[in-house]
Amino acid sequence: MKSYFNLLFIISIVLSSCAMKKQVVTLNVTGGDGSSYEQAIIINETHESPGTAAEYSWLSVHYPHYRTAGQALAFNEKKPYDIISVITHDGKTLSVYFDISKFYGKF
C-alpha cells in the first residue's frame, strides 16, 4: 500500500510539473554582440524582463542548445558586467559580456 501511494505521489509531481506555465521573458536589451566589454549586451531590466532571466533568454535565442561553462562578475571602468562562458552546440567556447549596471546593486 505504501509503494502505491509513493507511485501516486511521483505521478502527481510529474503531472504538475508538466502543467506549470513556462515563464516568458521579453528581451529588453541593447548594445553589441557580447564579444567584449565594448560590445557588451546592455540589460534594460523591467518587471517583465528581470536581469538574469534576460541574460539567459538572450543566450537561448543567439546560441540555441548552449551549455553554461561558468559565470563571473567583473568590473570595467567602474561598471559591473556578468561574463557568462558558454559552449555552443557545435563545441565552441565563448565568453559573452552583459552590462548589468542598470540593475546591479539596486535590490
N, C-alpha and C. Protein backbone atom coordinates (compact mmCIF):
# COMPACT_ATOMS: atom_id res chain seq x y z
N MET A 1 0.82 -1.20 0.00
CA MET A 1 0.00 0.00 0.00
C MET A 1 0.87 1.26 0.00
N LYS A 2 1.96 1.22 0.76
CA LYS A 2 2.85 2.38 0.83
C LYS A 2 3.47 2.67 -0.53
N SER A 3 3.89 1.64 -1.25
CA SER A 3 4.50 1.86 -2.57
C SER A 3 3.47 2.41 -3.56
N TYR A 4 2.20 2.04 -3.40
CA TYR A 4 1.13 2.56 -4.25
C TYR A 4 1.01 4.07 -4.04
N PHE A 5 1.03 4.53 -2.78
CA PHE A 5 0.94 5.97 -2.51
C PHE A 5 2.19 6.70 -2.97
N ASN A 6 3.35 6.07 -2.85
CA ASN A 6 4.58 6.68 -3.36
C ASN A 6 4.49 6.87 -4.88
N LEU A 7 3.95 5.86 -5.57
CA LEU A 7 3.80 5.95 -7.02
C LEU A 7 2.82 7.06 -7.38
N LEU A 8 1.71 7.16 -6.67
CA LEU A 8 0.75 8.23 -6.92
C LEU A 8 1.36 9.60 -6.67
N PHE A 9 2.18 9.71 -5.63
CA PHE A 9 2.85 10.97 -5.31
C PHE A 9 3.79 11.36 -6.45
N ILE A 10 4.57 10.42 -6.94
CA ILE A 10 5.51 10.71 -8.02
C ILE A 10 4.76 11.11 -9.29
N ILE A 11 3.69 10.40 -9.59
CA ILE A 11 2.91 10.74 -10.78
C ILE A 11 2.32 12.14 -10.65
N SER A 12 1.83 12.49 -9.48
CA SER A 12 1.25 13.83 -9.29
C SER A 12 2.30 14.92 -9.46
N ILE A 13 3.51 14.66 -9.00
CA ILE A 13 4.59 15.64 -9.17
C ILE A 13 4.93 15.82 -10.64
N VAL A 14 5.03 14.71 -11.36
CA VAL A 14 5.36 14.78 -12.79
C VAL A 14 4.27 15.52 -13.54
N LEU A 15 3.03 15.19 -13.27
CA LEU A 15 1.93 15.86 -13.97
C LEU A 15 1.85 17.34 -13.64
N SER A 16 2.07 17.70 -12.38
CA SER A 16 2.01 19.12 -12.03
C SER A 16 3.16 19.90 -12.64
N SER A 17 4.34 19.28 -12.75
CA SER A 17 5.46 19.99 -13.38
C SER A 17 5.24 20.16 -14.87
N CYS A 18 4.55 19.21 -15.50
CA CYS A 18 4.23 19.36 -16.92
C CYS A 18 3.21 20.46 -17.14
N ALA A 19 2.35 20.66 -16.16
CA ALA A 19 1.30 21.66 -16.30
C ALA A 19 1.76 23.07 -15.95
N MET A 20 2.95 23.21 -15.35
CA MET A 20 3.44 24.53 -14.96
C MET A 20 3.67 25.38 -16.21
N LYS A 21 3.32 26.63 -16.09
CA LYS A 21 3.50 27.56 -17.19
C LYS A 21 4.95 28.03 -17.21
N LYS A 22 5.57 27.93 -18.38
CA LYS A 22 6.95 28.39 -18.52
C LYS A 22 6.96 29.91 -18.57
N GLN A 23 7.88 30.52 -17.81
CA GLN A 23 7.99 31.97 -17.79
C GLN A 23 8.56 32.46 -19.11
N VAL A 24 7.88 33.41 -19.70
CA VAL A 24 8.33 34.02 -20.94
C VAL A 24 8.98 35.34 -20.58
N VAL A 25 10.19 35.52 -21.05
CA VAL A 25 10.93 36.75 -20.76
C VAL A 25 11.05 37.56 -22.04
N THR A 26 10.60 38.79 -21.98
CA THR A 26 10.75 39.69 -23.10
C THR A 26 12.19 40.22 -23.10
N LEU A 27 12.85 40.09 -24.22
CA LEU A 27 14.23 40.58 -24.29
C LEU A 27 14.21 42.09 -24.42
N ASN A 28 14.73 42.74 -23.40
CA ASN A 28 14.82 44.19 -23.37
C ASN A 28 16.30 44.54 -23.26
N VAL A 29 16.99 44.36 -24.37
CA VAL A 29 18.44 44.56 -24.38
C VAL A 29 18.82 45.50 -25.52
N THR A 30 19.97 46.13 -25.35
CA THR A 30 20.55 46.96 -26.39
C THR A 30 22.05 46.66 -26.40
N GLY A 31 22.80 47.38 -27.18
CA GLY A 31 24.24 47.22 -27.18
C GLY A 31 24.73 46.36 -28.33
N GLY A 32 25.87 45.72 -28.07
CA GLY A 32 26.55 44.98 -29.12
C GLY A 32 26.24 43.50 -29.14
N ASP A 33 27.25 42.74 -29.57
CA ASP A 33 27.08 41.30 -29.73
C ASP A 33 27.57 40.49 -28.52
N GLY A 34 28.08 41.18 -27.50
CA GLY A 34 28.52 40.50 -26.29
C GLY A 34 29.92 39.93 -26.33
N SER A 35 30.68 40.27 -27.34
CA SER A 35 32.01 39.68 -27.52
C SER A 35 33.10 40.32 -26.67
N SER A 36 32.81 41.47 -26.05
CA SER A 36 33.82 42.17 -25.25
C SER A 36 33.11 43.19 -24.35
N TYR A 37 33.89 43.85 -23.50
CA TYR A 37 33.30 44.92 -22.69
C TYR A 37 32.71 46.01 -23.59
N GLU A 38 33.43 46.36 -24.64
CA GLU A 38 32.99 47.42 -25.54
C GLU A 38 31.73 47.03 -26.32
N GLN A 39 31.56 45.73 -26.56
CA GLN A 39 30.42 45.23 -27.32
C GLN A 39 29.39 44.52 -26.42
N ALA A 40 29.41 44.84 -25.13
CA ALA A 40 28.54 44.15 -24.18
C ALA A 40 27.06 44.35 -24.50
N ILE A 41 26.28 43.34 -24.16
CA ILE A 41 24.83 43.42 -24.27
C ILE A 41 24.35 44.16 -23.03
N ILE A 42 23.61 45.23 -23.21
CA ILE A 42 23.13 46.03 -22.10
C ILE A 42 21.75 45.51 -21.70
N ILE A 43 21.64 45.08 -20.46
CA ILE A 43 20.37 44.57 -19.95
C ILE A 43 19.56 45.73 -19.39
N ASN A 44 18.42 46.00 -20.01
CA ASN A 44 17.50 47.04 -19.56
C ASN A 44 16.39 46.35 -18.78
N GLU A 45 16.61 46.14 -17.50
CA GLU A 45 15.69 45.34 -16.70
C GLU A 45 14.34 46.03 -16.54
N THR A 46 13.29 45.22 -16.66
CA THR A 46 11.93 45.66 -16.37
C THR A 46 11.28 44.58 -15.54
N HIS A 47 10.08 44.83 -15.08
CA HIS A 47 9.35 43.83 -14.30
C HIS A 47 9.13 42.55 -15.13
N GLU A 48 8.87 42.71 -16.42
CA GLU A 48 8.64 41.56 -17.29
C GLU A 48 9.94 40.90 -17.72
N SER A 49 11.04 41.56 -17.53
CA SER A 49 12.32 41.05 -18.00
C SER A 49 13.40 41.23 -16.94
N PRO A 50 13.37 40.41 -15.87
CA PRO A 50 14.40 40.52 -14.84
C PRO A 50 15.78 40.28 -15.44
N GLY A 51 16.78 40.93 -14.87
CA GLY A 51 18.13 40.92 -15.43
C GLY A 51 18.71 39.58 -15.78
N THR A 52 18.85 38.69 -14.80
CA THR A 52 19.50 37.41 -15.10
C THR A 52 18.66 36.57 -16.05
N ALA A 53 17.35 36.64 -15.94
CA ALA A 53 16.49 35.88 -16.87
C ALA A 53 16.69 36.39 -18.29
N ALA A 54 16.85 37.69 -18.44
CA ALA A 54 17.08 38.27 -19.77
C ALA A 54 18.41 37.80 -20.35
N GLU A 55 19.42 37.67 -19.50
CA GLU A 55 20.72 37.17 -19.98
C GLU A 55 20.58 35.76 -20.57
N TYR A 56 19.95 34.89 -19.81
CA TYR A 56 19.82 33.50 -20.26
C TYR A 56 18.86 33.37 -21.44
N SER A 57 17.86 34.23 -21.52
CA SER A 57 16.97 34.24 -22.69
C SER A 57 17.74 34.68 -23.93
N TRP A 58 18.58 35.72 -23.76
CA TRP A 58 19.38 36.19 -24.88
C TRP A 58 20.29 35.06 -25.38
N LEU A 59 20.92 34.36 -24.44
CA LEU A 59 21.79 33.25 -24.83
C LEU A 59 21.01 32.16 -25.57
N SER A 60 19.81 31.86 -25.10
CA SER A 60 19.00 30.83 -25.75
C SER A 60 18.62 31.21 -27.17
N VAL A 61 18.35 32.49 -27.37
CA VAL A 61 17.98 32.96 -28.71
C VAL A 61 19.19 32.93 -29.64
N HIS A 62 20.33 33.40 -29.16
CA HIS A 62 21.51 33.53 -30.02
C HIS A 62 22.39 32.28 -30.10
N TYR A 63 22.32 31.43 -29.10
CA TYR A 63 23.11 30.19 -29.08
C TYR A 63 22.22 29.03 -28.64
N PRO A 64 21.27 28.62 -29.49
CA PRO A 64 20.37 27.52 -29.10
C PRO A 64 21.16 26.28 -28.69
N HIS A 65 20.67 25.62 -27.69
CA HIS A 65 21.27 24.38 -27.18
C HIS A 65 22.67 24.59 -26.59
N TYR A 66 22.95 25.80 -26.12
CA TYR A 66 24.24 26.07 -25.49
C TYR A 66 24.29 25.41 -24.11
N ARG A 67 25.49 25.29 -23.57
CA ARG A 67 25.68 24.86 -22.19
C ARG A 67 26.49 25.93 -21.48
N THR A 68 26.15 26.19 -20.23
CA THR A 68 26.91 27.16 -19.45
C THR A 68 28.17 26.50 -18.92
N ALA A 69 29.31 27.16 -19.13
CA ALA A 69 30.58 26.64 -18.64
C ALA A 69 31.06 27.41 -17.41
N GLY A 70 30.48 28.56 -17.15
CA GLY A 70 30.88 29.36 -15.98
C GLY A 70 30.29 30.75 -16.08
N GLN A 71 30.35 31.45 -14.95
CA GLN A 71 29.85 32.81 -14.90
C GLN A 71 30.68 33.59 -13.91
N ALA A 72 30.95 34.85 -14.24
CA ALA A 72 31.75 35.69 -13.35
C ALA A 72 31.20 37.11 -13.34
N LEU A 73 31.36 37.76 -12.22
CA LEU A 73 31.06 39.18 -12.09
C LEU A 73 32.38 39.92 -12.23
N ALA A 74 32.40 40.93 -13.09
CA ALA A 74 33.62 41.70 -13.31
C ALA A 74 33.25 43.18 -13.38
N PHE A 75 34.24 44.02 -13.14
CA PHE A 75 34.05 45.46 -13.25
C PHE A 75 35.04 46.00 -14.26
N ASN A 76 34.55 46.85 -15.14
CA ASN A 76 35.39 47.50 -16.13
C ASN A 76 34.97 48.96 -16.16
N GLU A 77 35.92 49.87 -15.93
CA GLU A 77 35.64 51.30 -15.86
C GLU A 77 34.47 51.58 -14.90
N LYS A 78 34.52 50.94 -13.75
CA LYS A 78 33.56 51.11 -12.65
C LYS A 78 32.15 50.64 -12.97
N LYS A 79 31.97 49.86 -14.04
CA LYS A 79 30.66 49.31 -14.39
C LYS A 79 30.68 47.81 -14.17
N PRO A 80 29.58 47.25 -13.64
CA PRO A 80 29.52 45.80 -13.42
C PRO A 80 29.09 45.05 -14.69
N TYR A 81 29.69 43.90 -14.87
CA TYR A 81 29.39 43.04 -16.01
C TYR A 81 29.24 41.61 -15.53
N ASP A 82 28.29 40.90 -16.09
CA ASP A 82 28.26 39.45 -15.98
C ASP A 82 28.95 38.93 -17.22
N ILE A 83 29.89 38.03 -17.01
CA ILE A 83 30.55 37.37 -18.14
C ILE A 83 30.18 35.90 -18.03
N ILE A 84 29.43 35.43 -19.01
CA ILE A 84 28.97 34.05 -18.99
C ILE A 84 29.72 33.28 -20.07
N SER A 85 30.40 32.23 -19.66
CA SER A 85 31.11 31.36 -20.60
C SER A 85 30.14 30.27 -21.04
N VAL A 86 30.03 30.10 -22.34
CA VAL A 86 29.12 29.10 -22.88
C VAL A 86 29.86 28.19 -23.85
N ILE A 87 29.32 27.01 -23.99
CA ILE A 87 29.78 26.08 -25.02
C ILE A 87 28.62 25.95 -25.99
N THR A 88 28.85 26.32 -27.24
CA THR A 88 27.80 26.29 -28.24
C THR A 88 27.51 24.84 -28.65
N HIS A 89 26.41 24.66 -29.36
CA HIS A 89 26.03 23.30 -29.77
C HIS A 89 27.07 22.64 -30.66
N ASP A 90 27.91 23.44 -31.32
CA ASP A 90 28.96 22.87 -32.15
C ASP A 90 30.32 22.82 -31.45
N GLY A 91 30.33 23.04 -30.12
CA GLY A 91 31.54 22.83 -29.33
C GLY A 91 32.44 24.03 -29.12
N LYS A 92 32.08 25.19 -29.63
CA LYS A 92 32.91 26.38 -29.43
C LYS A 92 32.67 26.94 -28.04
N THR A 93 33.74 27.40 -27.39
CA THR A 93 33.62 28.05 -26.09
C THR A 93 33.72 29.55 -26.28
N LEU A 94 32.73 30.27 -25.75
CA LEU A 94 32.67 31.72 -25.89
C LEU A 94 32.45 32.37 -24.54
N SER A 95 32.92 33.59 -24.39
CA SER A 95 32.59 34.42 -23.24
C SER A 95 31.67 35.52 -23.75
N VAL A 96 30.51 35.65 -23.10
CA VAL A 96 29.53 36.65 -23.51
C VAL A 96 29.42 37.68 -22.39
N TYR A 97 29.57 38.95 -22.74
CA TYR A 97 29.61 40.06 -21.78
C TYR A 97 28.25 40.75 -21.72
N PHE A 98 27.73 40.90 -20.50
CA PHE A 98 26.48 41.59 -20.26
C PHE A 98 26.73 42.77 -19.33
N ASP A 99 26.34 43.97 -19.75
CA ASP A 99 26.40 45.16 -18.92
C ASP A 99 25.17 45.13 -18.01
N ILE A 100 25.39 44.96 -16.70
CA ILE A 100 24.30 44.83 -15.74
C ILE A 100 24.16 46.07 -14.87
N SER A 101 24.74 47.18 -15.29
CA SER A 101 24.76 48.40 -14.46
C SER A 101 23.38 48.98 -14.19
N LYS A 102 22.39 48.68 -15.02
CA LYS A 102 21.05 49.25 -14.82
C LYS A 102 20.29 48.57 -13.69
N PHE A 103 20.76 47.39 -13.24
CA PHE A 103 20.06 46.75 -12.13
C PHE A 103 20.98 46.23 -11.03
N TYR A 104 22.27 46.13 -11.26
CA TYR A 104 23.18 45.57 -10.25
C TYR A 104 23.22 46.47 -9.01
N GLY A 105 23.04 45.86 -7.85
CA GLY A 105 23.12 46.58 -6.59
C GLY A 105 21.91 47.43 -6.25
N LYS A 106 20.82 47.24 -6.98
CA LYS A 106 19.64 48.07 -6.74
C LYS A 106 18.56 47.34 -5.94
N PHE A 107 18.91 46.21 -5.34
CA PHE A 107 17.91 45.44 -4.58
C PHE A 107 18.10 45.64 -3.11
